[in-house]
Amino acid sequence: MPSSTFNNLNKEKKQRILNAMIKEFSSRPLSSAQIAPIVKDSRIARGSFYKYFKNIDDAYLYTINQAISDIHQDIEPAFKVAENDPNFYVKQIKDFVDGVSHSQYLDLMRMHFQENGSFVKANIDKSYMKMKPTEWATVILSHETVKTILLGQQTTGAALERFKIIITKILRG
C-alpha cells in the first residue's frame, strides 16, 4: 500500500498518479506492467514512485483497491440489509455492472478478471474464511457473475437470470 509520503500529496497529484496507474494496469497484465509509463504519464520522477510504492505490485494493489472501493461505495453496506432477497442481489449486481461500464475502471476491471485476479485473490482469501456459508457463496457467485458479464461471456440478462436461480436456491435452502 502507498507510503505516508504518497498519502500526504495534494489531491491533484495523487489523482494524476492514480490515473497513470489505471492507464498502465488497464492496458497490460501485471506480469508485464512497467513503471516507466506510469512515471511519464504522471509527470513524476522514477525515484518518487519508489517513495510512494514499494514496487509495481504494491502500486497495482493500491489501484485495484481504489477502483473496488469507488465501485462498491454504495453496495457493500447494503448487502447486510436484505440478506434473503434474491431480487436485491440481482439489482446490486446490475447496478454494479452498469456503474463499471460507465466508469474509468472498465478496462482495469476487465484486465483484472482476465489476468490479475489471482494476484489479488491470494491477498483476500483469508477474509472469506470468516463469512457464514451463505454469505461466502453469495459473494463468490456475485463476483463470478460480474466477471462473466464484464468479459462478455454471457449477456447481462442471461447471467443475471442464471444468478437469480442459483442465489434463490442458496438463500432459501
N, C-alpha and C. Protein backbone atom coordinates (compact mmCIF):
# COMPACT_ATOMS: atom_id res chain seq x y z
N MET A 1 0.84 -1.17 0.00
CA MET A 1 0.00 0.00 0.00
C MET A 1 0.89 1.24 0.00
N PRO A 2 0.31 2.36 -0.35
CA PRO A 2 1.16 3.55 -0.50
C PRO A 2 1.76 4.02 0.82
N SER A 3 2.86 4.72 0.69
CA SER A 3 3.54 5.26 1.86
C SER A 3 2.83 6.50 2.38
N SER A 4 3.20 6.94 3.54
CA SER A 4 2.64 8.17 4.09
C SER A 4 3.04 9.36 3.22
N THR A 5 4.18 9.27 2.55
CA THR A 5 4.60 10.33 1.63
C THR A 5 3.55 10.50 0.52
N PHE A 6 3.10 9.38 -0.04
CA PHE A 6 2.07 9.43 -1.07
C PHE A 6 0.77 9.98 -0.49
N ASN A 7 0.38 9.48 0.67
CA ASN A 7 -0.87 9.91 1.29
C ASN A 7 -0.88 11.40 1.60
N ASN A 8 0.29 12.00 1.78
CA ASN A 8 0.37 13.42 2.09
C ASN A 8 0.45 14.32 0.85
N LEU A 9 0.47 13.71 -0.35
CA LEU A 9 0.47 14.52 -1.58
C LEU A 9 -0.84 15.26 -1.72
N ASN A 10 -0.80 16.35 -2.49
CA ASN A 10 -2.06 17.05 -2.73
C ASN A 10 -2.96 16.20 -3.62
N LYS A 11 -4.24 16.45 -3.54
CA LYS A 11 -5.26 15.64 -4.21
C LYS A 11 -5.03 15.53 -5.73
N GLU A 12 -4.67 16.63 -6.34
CA GLU A 12 -4.48 16.66 -7.80
C GLU A 12 -3.32 15.76 -8.23
N LYS A 13 -2.22 15.80 -7.49
CA LYS A 13 -1.07 14.97 -7.84
C LYS A 13 -1.36 13.49 -7.61
N LYS A 14 -2.01 13.19 -6.50
CA LYS A 14 -2.39 11.79 -6.25
C LYS A 14 -3.31 11.27 -7.35
N GLN A 15 -4.24 12.09 -7.79
CA GLN A 15 -5.16 11.67 -8.86
C GLN A 15 -4.42 11.47 -10.17
N ARG A 16 -3.46 12.32 -10.46
CA ARG A 16 -2.66 12.19 -11.69
C ARG A 16 -1.88 10.87 -11.68
N ILE A 17 -1.32 10.52 -10.54
CA ILE A 17 -0.59 9.26 -10.41
C ILE A 17 -1.55 8.08 -10.53
N LEU A 18 -2.69 8.17 -9.86
CA LEU A 18 -3.68 7.10 -9.94
C LEU A 18 -4.15 6.92 -11.39
N ASN A 19 -4.42 8.01 -12.08
CA ASN A 19 -4.85 7.92 -13.48
C ASN A 19 -3.80 7.23 -14.35
N ALA A 20 -2.54 7.54 -14.11
CA ALA A 20 -1.46 6.91 -14.88
C ALA A 20 -1.39 5.41 -14.57
N MET A 21 -1.61 5.05 -13.32
CA MET A 21 -1.58 3.63 -12.95
C MET A 21 -2.80 2.91 -13.54
N ILE A 22 -3.95 3.55 -13.52
CA ILE A 22 -5.14 2.95 -14.14
C ILE A 22 -4.87 2.69 -15.61
N LYS A 23 -4.28 3.65 -16.28
CA LYS A 23 -3.96 3.50 -17.71
C LYS A 23 -3.02 2.32 -17.93
N GLU A 24 -1.97 2.22 -17.16
CA GLU A 24 -0.99 1.14 -17.33
C GLU A 24 -1.60 -0.22 -17.01
N PHE A 25 -2.29 -0.31 -15.89
CA PHE A 25 -2.83 -1.60 -15.47
C PHE A 25 -4.07 -2.01 -16.27
N SER A 26 -4.64 -1.08 -17.01
CA SER A 26 -5.77 -1.40 -17.89
C SER A 26 -5.31 -1.94 -19.22
N SER A 27 -4.08 -1.61 -19.59
CA SER A 27 -3.60 -1.99 -20.92
C SER A 27 -2.65 -3.19 -20.92
N ARG A 28 -2.14 -3.56 -19.76
CA ARG A 28 -1.20 -4.69 -19.66
C ARG A 28 -1.47 -5.51 -18.42
N PRO A 29 -1.24 -6.82 -18.52
CA PRO A 29 -1.31 -7.64 -17.30
C PRO A 29 -0.23 -7.19 -16.31
N LEU A 30 -0.46 -7.41 -15.06
CA LEU A 30 0.51 -7.03 -14.03
C LEU A 30 1.88 -7.63 -14.33
N SER A 31 1.91 -8.83 -14.86
CA SER A 31 3.19 -9.50 -15.14
C SER A 31 4.05 -8.77 -16.16
N SER A 32 3.46 -7.91 -16.97
CA SER A 32 4.24 -7.16 -17.95
C SER A 32 4.10 -5.64 -17.79
N ALA A 33 3.42 -5.21 -16.73
CA ALA A 33 3.27 -3.77 -16.47
C ALA A 33 4.63 -3.17 -16.12
N GLN A 34 4.78 -1.90 -16.45
CA GLN A 34 6.06 -1.23 -16.23
C GLN A 34 5.87 0.09 -15.48
N ILE A 35 6.89 0.48 -14.78
CA ILE A 35 6.87 1.73 -14.03
C ILE A 35 7.11 2.92 -14.94
N ALA A 36 7.91 2.76 -15.98
CA ALA A 36 8.27 3.87 -16.86
C ALA A 36 7.04 4.62 -17.42
N PRO A 37 6.05 3.94 -17.95
CA PRO A 37 4.88 4.70 -18.45
C PRO A 37 4.11 5.41 -17.34
N ILE A 38 4.11 4.84 -16.15
CA ILE A 38 3.41 5.47 -15.03
C ILE A 38 4.09 6.77 -14.65
N VAL A 39 5.41 6.74 -14.51
CA VAL A 39 6.11 7.97 -14.11
C VAL A 39 6.04 9.02 -15.22
N LYS A 40 6.08 8.57 -16.47
CA LYS A 40 5.99 9.51 -17.59
C LYS A 40 4.61 10.17 -17.62
N ASP A 41 3.56 9.36 -17.57
CA ASP A 41 2.19 9.90 -17.64
C ASP A 41 1.81 10.74 -16.43
N SER A 42 2.36 10.41 -15.28
CA SER A 42 2.01 11.17 -14.07
C SER A 42 2.97 12.33 -13.83
N ARG A 43 4.00 12.41 -14.64
CA ARG A 43 4.99 13.50 -14.57
C ARG A 43 5.67 13.56 -13.20
N ILE A 44 6.14 12.36 -12.76
CA ILE A 44 6.92 12.29 -11.52
C ILE A 44 8.25 11.60 -11.84
N ALA A 45 9.21 11.77 -10.97
CA ALA A 45 10.49 11.10 -11.13
C ALA A 45 10.34 9.63 -10.73
N ARG A 46 11.15 8.78 -11.35
CA ARG A 46 11.11 7.35 -11.02
C ARG A 46 11.40 7.12 -9.53
N GLY A 47 12.33 7.88 -8.99
CA GLY A 47 12.65 7.78 -7.57
C GLY A 47 11.45 8.12 -6.69
N SER A 48 10.63 9.06 -7.14
CA SER A 48 9.43 9.42 -6.39
C SER A 48 8.46 8.25 -6.34
N PHE A 49 8.36 7.53 -7.46
CA PHE A 49 7.47 6.37 -7.49
C PHE A 49 7.84 5.42 -6.36
N TYR A 50 9.14 5.18 -6.19
CA TYR A 50 9.59 4.25 -5.14
C TYR A 50 9.46 4.83 -3.73
N LYS A 51 9.30 6.15 -3.62
CA LYS A 51 8.99 6.75 -2.32
C LYS A 51 7.51 6.53 -1.99
N TYR A 52 6.70 6.38 -3.03
CA TYR A 52 5.26 6.22 -2.84
C TYR A 52 4.83 4.76 -2.71
N PHE A 53 5.49 3.88 -3.49
CA PHE A 53 5.12 2.46 -3.55
C PHE A 53 6.37 1.61 -3.47
N LYS A 54 6.27 0.43 -2.87
CA LYS A 54 7.41 -0.47 -2.77
C LYS A 54 7.85 -0.98 -4.13
N ASN A 55 6.86 -1.29 -4.98
CA ASN A 55 7.14 -1.86 -6.29
C ASN A 55 5.87 -1.81 -7.13
N ILE A 56 5.91 -2.39 -8.30
CA ILE A 56 4.77 -2.37 -9.22
C ILE A 56 3.59 -3.13 -8.63
N ASP A 57 3.84 -4.23 -7.91
CA ASP A 57 2.76 -4.99 -7.29
C ASP A 57 2.02 -4.15 -6.26
N ASP A 58 2.77 -3.41 -5.47
CA ASP A 58 2.20 -2.53 -4.47
C ASP A 58 1.33 -1.46 -5.12
N ALA A 59 1.80 -0.91 -6.22
CA ALA A 59 1.03 0.10 -6.96
C ALA A 59 -0.25 -0.51 -7.53
N TYR A 60 -0.17 -1.75 -8.01
CA TYR A 60 -1.36 -2.41 -8.54
C TYR A 60 -2.39 -2.63 -7.43
N LEU A 61 -1.95 -3.14 -6.30
CA LEU A 61 -2.88 -3.37 -5.19
C LEU A 61 -3.58 -2.07 -4.78
N TYR A 62 -2.84 -0.99 -4.74
CA TYR A 62 -3.44 0.31 -4.42
C TYR A 62 -4.48 0.69 -5.47
N THR A 63 -4.12 0.54 -6.73
CA THR A 63 -5.00 0.94 -7.83
C THR A 63 -6.28 0.12 -7.84
N ILE A 64 -6.16 -1.19 -7.75
CA ILE A 64 -7.35 -2.04 -7.80
C ILE A 64 -8.20 -1.83 -6.55
N ASN A 65 -7.58 -1.60 -5.41
CA ASN A 65 -8.35 -1.32 -4.19
C ASN A 65 -9.10 0.01 -4.29
N GLN A 66 -8.48 1.01 -4.91
CA GLN A 66 -9.16 2.28 -5.12
C GLN A 66 -10.36 2.09 -6.04
N ALA A 67 -10.17 1.33 -7.11
CA ALA A 67 -11.26 1.08 -8.06
C ALA A 67 -12.40 0.34 -7.36
N ILE A 68 -12.06 -0.72 -6.65
CA ILE A 68 -13.07 -1.52 -5.97
C ILE A 68 -13.79 -0.69 -4.91
N SER A 69 -13.06 0.13 -4.20
CA SER A 69 -13.66 0.99 -3.19
C SER A 69 -14.65 1.97 -3.84
N ASP A 70 -14.24 2.60 -4.93
CA ASP A 70 -15.13 3.53 -5.63
C ASP A 70 -16.38 2.82 -6.14
N ILE A 71 -16.19 1.67 -6.73
CA ILE A 71 -17.30 0.93 -7.32
C ILE A 71 -18.24 0.40 -6.24
N HIS A 72 -17.70 -0.06 -5.12
CA HIS A 72 -18.51 -0.66 -4.06
C HIS A 72 -19.10 0.34 -3.08
N GLN A 73 -18.80 1.61 -3.22
CA GLN A 73 -19.17 2.56 -2.18
C GLN A 73 -20.66 2.54 -1.82
N ASP A 74 -21.54 2.26 -2.76
CA ASP A 74 -22.97 2.20 -2.46
C ASP A 74 -23.49 0.78 -2.30
N ILE A 75 -22.62 -0.21 -2.48
CA ILE A 75 -23.08 -1.59 -2.50
C ILE A 75 -22.74 -2.33 -1.21
N GLU A 76 -21.53 -2.28 -0.74
CA GLU A 76 -21.08 -3.06 0.43
C GLU A 76 -22.03 -2.98 1.62
N PRO A 77 -22.31 -1.80 2.15
CA PRO A 77 -23.13 -1.76 3.36
C PRO A 77 -24.54 -2.30 3.13
N ALA A 78 -25.03 -2.14 1.93
CA ALA A 78 -26.40 -2.55 1.64
C ALA A 78 -26.58 -4.07 1.68
N PHE A 79 -25.53 -4.85 1.48
CA PHE A 79 -25.65 -6.30 1.48
C PHE A 79 -26.19 -6.83 2.81
N LYS A 80 -25.95 -6.14 3.88
CA LYS A 80 -26.42 -6.59 5.19
C LYS A 80 -27.93 -6.38 5.36
N VAL A 81 -28.50 -5.48 4.57
CA VAL A 81 -29.90 -5.09 4.71
C VAL A 81 -30.87 -6.18 4.25
N ALA A 82 -30.61 -6.78 3.11
CA ALA A 82 -31.57 -7.71 2.50
C ALA A 82 -30.95 -9.07 2.24
N GLU A 83 -30.42 -9.67 3.27
CA GLU A 83 -29.68 -10.93 3.13
C GLU A 83 -30.44 -12.04 2.42
N ASN A 84 -31.76 -12.08 2.52
CA ASN A 84 -32.52 -13.19 1.97
C ASN A 84 -33.35 -12.84 0.74
N ASP A 85 -33.09 -11.71 0.12
CA ASP A 85 -33.87 -11.27 -1.03
C ASP A 85 -33.05 -11.40 -2.32
N PRO A 86 -33.32 -12.44 -3.13
CA PRO A 86 -32.57 -12.63 -4.38
C PRO A 86 -32.67 -11.43 -5.32
N ASN A 87 -33.83 -10.79 -5.37
CA ASN A 87 -34.01 -9.63 -6.26
C ASN A 87 -33.10 -8.47 -5.87
N PHE A 88 -32.87 -8.33 -4.59
CA PHE A 88 -31.96 -7.30 -4.11
C PHE A 88 -30.55 -7.52 -4.67
N TYR A 89 -30.08 -8.76 -4.59
CA TYR A 89 -28.74 -9.07 -5.08
C TYR A 89 -28.64 -8.90 -6.59
N VAL A 90 -29.68 -9.29 -7.31
CA VAL A 90 -29.70 -9.11 -8.77
C VAL A 90 -29.58 -7.62 -9.10
N LYS A 91 -30.34 -6.80 -8.41
CA LYS A 91 -30.28 -5.36 -8.65
C LYS A 91 -28.90 -4.80 -8.32
N GLN A 92 -28.30 -5.26 -7.22
CA GLN A 92 -26.97 -4.79 -6.85
C GLN A 92 -25.94 -5.13 -7.93
N ILE A 93 -26.01 -6.35 -8.45
CA ILE A 93 -25.07 -6.74 -9.50
C ILE A 93 -25.30 -5.92 -10.77
N LYS A 94 -26.56 -5.75 -11.13
CA LYS A 94 -26.87 -4.95 -12.33
C LYS A 94 -26.36 -3.52 -12.16
N ASP A 95 -26.62 -2.92 -11.01
CA ASP A 95 -26.15 -1.56 -10.74
C ASP A 95 -24.63 -1.49 -10.77
N PHE A 96 -23.98 -2.50 -10.20
CA PHE A 96 -22.52 -2.55 -10.18
C PHE A 96 -21.97 -2.61 -11.61
N VAL A 97 -22.51 -3.53 -12.42
CA VAL A 97 -22.04 -3.69 -13.79
C VAL A 97 -22.29 -2.41 -14.59
N ASP A 98 -23.46 -1.82 -14.41
CA ASP A 98 -23.75 -0.56 -15.10
C ASP A 98 -22.77 0.53 -14.68
N GLY A 99 -22.48 0.59 -13.38
CA GLY A 99 -21.52 1.58 -12.88
C GLY A 99 -20.13 1.38 -13.44
N VAL A 100 -19.66 0.15 -13.47
CA VAL A 100 -18.34 -0.14 -14.02
C VAL A 100 -18.30 0.19 -15.51
N SER A 101 -19.35 -0.17 -16.20
CA SER A 101 -19.39 0.02 -17.65
C SER A 101 -19.33 1.49 -18.06
N HIS A 102 -19.72 2.37 -17.18
CA HIS A 102 -19.71 3.80 -17.47
C HIS A 102 -18.66 4.54 -16.65
N SER A 103 -17.62 3.83 -16.25
CA SER A 103 -16.60 4.45 -15.41
C SER A 103 -15.22 4.34 -16.07
N GLN A 104 -14.28 4.99 -15.45
CA GLN A 104 -12.88 4.91 -15.90
C GLN A 104 -12.26 3.56 -15.60
N TYR A 105 -12.97 2.70 -14.87
CA TYR A 105 -12.41 1.44 -14.42
C TYR A 105 -12.76 0.23 -15.29
N LEU A 106 -13.53 0.41 -16.35
CA LEU A 106 -13.99 -0.73 -17.14
C LEU A 106 -12.83 -1.60 -17.64
N ASP A 107 -11.87 -1.00 -18.31
CA ASP A 107 -10.74 -1.78 -18.84
C ASP A 107 -9.86 -2.34 -17.72
N LEU A 108 -9.73 -1.61 -16.64
CA LEU A 108 -8.97 -2.10 -15.48
C LEU A 108 -9.64 -3.35 -14.91
N MET A 109 -10.95 -3.31 -14.75
CA MET A 109 -11.66 -4.46 -14.19
C MET A 109 -11.62 -5.65 -15.16
N ARG A 110 -11.73 -5.39 -16.44
CA ARG A 110 -11.63 -6.49 -17.40
C ARG A 110 -10.24 -7.13 -17.34
N MET A 111 -9.19 -6.32 -17.29
CA MET A 111 -7.84 -6.85 -17.19
C MET A 111 -7.67 -7.60 -15.87
N HIS A 112 -8.27 -7.07 -14.83
CA HIS A 112 -8.20 -7.74 -13.53
C HIS A 112 -8.80 -9.14 -13.62
N PHE A 113 -9.99 -9.25 -14.20
CA PHE A 113 -10.64 -10.55 -14.31
C PHE A 113 -9.93 -11.47 -15.28
N GLN A 114 -9.37 -10.93 -16.35
CA GLN A 114 -8.68 -11.77 -17.35
C GLN A 114 -7.33 -12.26 -16.87
N GLU A 115 -6.58 -11.39 -16.22
CA GLU A 115 -5.17 -11.68 -15.96
C GLU A 115 -4.71 -11.58 -14.51
N ASN A 116 -5.24 -10.64 -13.76
CA ASN A 116 -4.64 -10.27 -12.48
C ASN A 116 -5.41 -10.71 -11.24
N GLY A 117 -6.56 -11.31 -11.42
CA GLY A 117 -7.40 -11.67 -10.29
C GLY A 117 -6.74 -12.59 -9.29
N SER A 118 -5.96 -13.53 -9.76
CA SER A 118 -5.34 -14.48 -8.83
C SER A 118 -4.31 -13.80 -7.93
N PHE A 119 -3.68 -12.74 -8.43
CA PHE A 119 -2.72 -11.99 -7.61
C PHE A 119 -3.42 -11.37 -6.41
N VAL A 120 -4.55 -10.74 -6.64
CA VAL A 120 -5.30 -10.10 -5.56
C VAL A 120 -5.99 -11.16 -4.71
N LYS A 121 -6.51 -12.20 -5.34
CA LYS A 121 -7.22 -13.25 -4.63
C LYS A 121 -6.36 -13.85 -3.51
N ALA A 122 -5.10 -14.01 -3.78
CA ALA A 122 -4.19 -14.56 -2.77
C ALA A 122 -4.12 -13.68 -1.53
N ASN A 123 -4.41 -12.39 -1.70
CA ASN A 123 -4.35 -11.45 -0.58
C ASN A 123 -5.65 -11.32 0.20
N ILE A 124 -6.76 -11.89 -0.30
CA ILE A 124 -8.04 -11.72 0.39
C ILE A 124 -8.70 -13.02 0.81
N ASP A 125 -8.19 -14.15 0.40
CA ASP A 125 -8.82 -15.43 0.70
C ASP A 125 -9.11 -15.63 2.19
N LYS A 126 -8.26 -15.13 3.05
CA LYS A 126 -8.43 -15.33 4.49
C LYS A 126 -9.68 -14.64 5.01
N SER A 127 -10.07 -13.50 4.42
CA SER A 127 -11.27 -12.81 4.89
C SER A 127 -12.53 -13.61 4.59
N TYR A 128 -12.50 -14.43 3.55
CA TYR A 128 -13.64 -15.26 3.21
C TYR A 128 -13.89 -16.33 4.27
N MET A 129 -12.86 -16.74 4.97
CA MET A 129 -12.98 -17.80 5.97
C MET A 129 -13.84 -17.38 7.16
N LYS A 130 -14.00 -16.08 7.35
CA LYS A 130 -14.78 -15.58 8.49
C LYS A 130 -16.27 -15.43 8.16
N MET A 131 -16.64 -15.62 6.91
CA MET A 131 -18.02 -15.44 6.49
C MET A 131 -18.88 -16.67 6.78
N LYS A 132 -20.17 -16.42 6.97
CA LYS A 132 -21.13 -17.51 7.05
C LYS A 132 -21.18 -18.18 5.68
N PRO A 133 -21.49 -19.46 5.61
CA PRO A 133 -21.50 -20.15 4.31
C PRO A 133 -22.38 -19.49 3.25
N THR A 134 -23.57 -19.03 3.61
CA THR A 134 -24.44 -18.39 2.60
C THR A 134 -23.86 -17.05 2.15
N GLU A 135 -23.25 -16.32 3.07
CA GLU A 135 -22.62 -15.05 2.72
C GLU A 135 -21.44 -15.30 1.77
N TRP A 136 -20.62 -16.29 2.08
CA TRP A 136 -19.49 -16.65 1.23
C TRP A 136 -19.97 -17.03 -0.17
N ALA A 137 -20.98 -17.89 -0.24
CA ALA A 137 -21.49 -18.34 -1.54
C ALA A 137 -22.05 -17.17 -2.34
N THR A 138 -22.72 -16.26 -1.66
CA THR A 138 -23.28 -15.08 -2.33
C THR A 138 -22.18 -14.20 -2.90
N VAL A 139 -21.14 -13.96 -2.13
CA VAL A 139 -20.03 -13.13 -2.58
C VAL A 139 -19.33 -13.78 -3.79
N ILE A 140 -19.00 -15.05 -3.68
CA ILE A 140 -18.31 -15.75 -4.76
C ILE A 140 -19.17 -15.76 -6.02
N LEU A 141 -20.43 -16.10 -5.88
CA LEU A 141 -21.33 -16.15 -7.03
C LEU A 141 -21.53 -14.76 -7.65
N SER A 142 -21.63 -13.75 -6.81
CA SER A 142 -21.77 -12.38 -7.31
C SER A 142 -20.56 -11.96 -8.13
N HIS A 143 -19.37 -12.23 -7.61
CA HIS A 143 -18.15 -11.87 -8.32
C HIS A 143 -18.02 -12.63 -9.64
N GLU A 144 -18.36 -13.89 -9.62
CA GLU A 144 -18.28 -14.69 -10.86
C GLU A 144 -19.30 -14.20 -11.90
N THR A 145 -20.45 -13.76 -11.44
CA THR A 145 -21.46 -13.23 -12.35
C THR A 145 -20.98 -11.92 -12.97
N VAL A 146 -20.42 -11.06 -12.16
CA VAL A 146 -19.86 -9.80 -12.68
C VAL A 146 -18.76 -10.09 -13.69
N LYS A 147 -17.89 -11.01 -13.36
CA LYS A 147 -16.80 -11.39 -14.26
C LYS A 147 -17.36 -11.89 -15.60
N THR A 148 -18.34 -12.76 -15.55
CA THR A 148 -18.95 -13.32 -16.75
C THR A 148 -19.52 -12.22 -17.64
N ILE A 149 -20.16 -11.24 -17.01
CA ILE A 149 -20.76 -10.14 -17.77
C ILE A 149 -19.68 -9.23 -18.35
N LEU A 150 -18.74 -8.79 -17.51
CA LEU A 150 -17.72 -7.83 -17.98
C LEU A 150 -16.80 -8.41 -19.05
N LEU A 151 -16.58 -9.71 -19.00
CA LEU A 151 -15.74 -10.33 -20.03
C LEU A 151 -16.54 -10.74 -21.26
N GLY A 152 -17.83 -10.45 -21.26
CA GLY A 152 -18.67 -10.73 -22.42
C GLY A 152 -18.91 -12.20 -22.67
N GLN A 153 -18.80 -13.01 -21.63
CA GLN A 153 -19.01 -14.45 -21.77
C GLN A 153 -20.48 -14.81 -21.81
N GLN A 154 -21.32 -13.89 -21.35
CA GLN A 154 -22.76 -14.10 -21.35
C GLN A 154 -23.41 -12.72 -21.29
N THR A 155 -24.59 -12.56 -21.86
CA THR A 155 -25.27 -11.27 -21.80
C THR A 155 -25.64 -10.96 -20.35
N THR A 156 -25.82 -9.70 -20.06
CA THR A 156 -26.19 -9.30 -18.70
C THR A 156 -27.47 -9.98 -18.28
N GLY A 157 -28.48 -9.96 -19.14
CA GLY A 157 -29.76 -10.57 -18.80
C GLY A 157 -29.65 -12.05 -18.50
N ALA A 158 -28.94 -12.78 -19.35
CA ALA A 158 -28.79 -14.23 -19.15
C ALA A 158 -27.99 -14.53 -17.88
N ALA A 159 -26.93 -13.78 -17.66
CA ALA A 159 -26.10 -14.00 -16.47
C ALA A 159 -26.88 -13.70 -15.19
N LEU A 160 -27.67 -12.62 -15.21
CA LEU A 160 -28.45 -12.27 -14.03
C LEU A 160 -29.57 -13.28 -13.77
N GLU A 161 -30.17 -13.79 -14.83
CA GLU A 161 -31.22 -14.81 -14.66
C GLU A 161 -30.63 -16.07 -14.04
N ARG A 162 -29.48 -16.48 -14.55
CA ARG A 162 -28.78 -17.65 -14.00
C ARG A 162 -28.42 -17.42 -12.53
N PHE A 163 -27.87 -16.23 -12.24
CA PHE A 163 -27.52 -15.87 -10.87
C PHE A 163 -28.74 -15.94 -9.96
N LYS A 164 -29.88 -15.39 -10.42
CA LYS A 164 -31.08 -15.35 -9.59
C LYS A 164 -31.57 -16.76 -9.25
N ILE A 165 -31.53 -17.66 -10.21
CA ILE A 165 -31.96 -19.03 -9.96
C ILE A 165 -31.09 -19.68 -8.88
N ILE A 166 -29.79 -19.50 -9.02
CA ILE A 166 -28.87 -20.14 -8.08
C ILE A 166 -28.91 -19.48 -6.71
N ILE A 167 -28.93 -18.16 -6.68
CA ILE A 167 -28.91 -17.46 -5.39
C ILE A 167 -30.22 -17.71 -4.61
N THR A 168 -31.31 -17.87 -5.34
CA THR A 168 -32.59 -18.20 -4.69
C THR A 168 -32.48 -19.55 -3.97
N LYS A 169 -31.88 -20.50 -4.63
CA LYS A 169 -31.71 -21.84 -4.02
C LYS A 169 -30.78 -21.76 -2.80
N ILE A 170 -29.74 -20.98 -2.92
CA ILE A 170 -28.79 -20.84 -1.80
C ILE A 170 -29.46 -20.17 -0.60
N LEU A 171 -30.16 -19.08 -0.85
CA LEU A 171 -30.75 -18.32 0.24
C LEU A 171 -31.95 -18.97 0.89
N ARG A 172 -32.67 -19.74 0.10
CA ARG A 172 -33.90 -20.34 0.63
C ARG A 172 -33.73 -21.81 0.98
N GLY A 173 -32.53 -22.33 0.71
CA GLY A 173 -32.21 -23.70 1.08
C GLY A 173 -32.95 -24.68 0.26
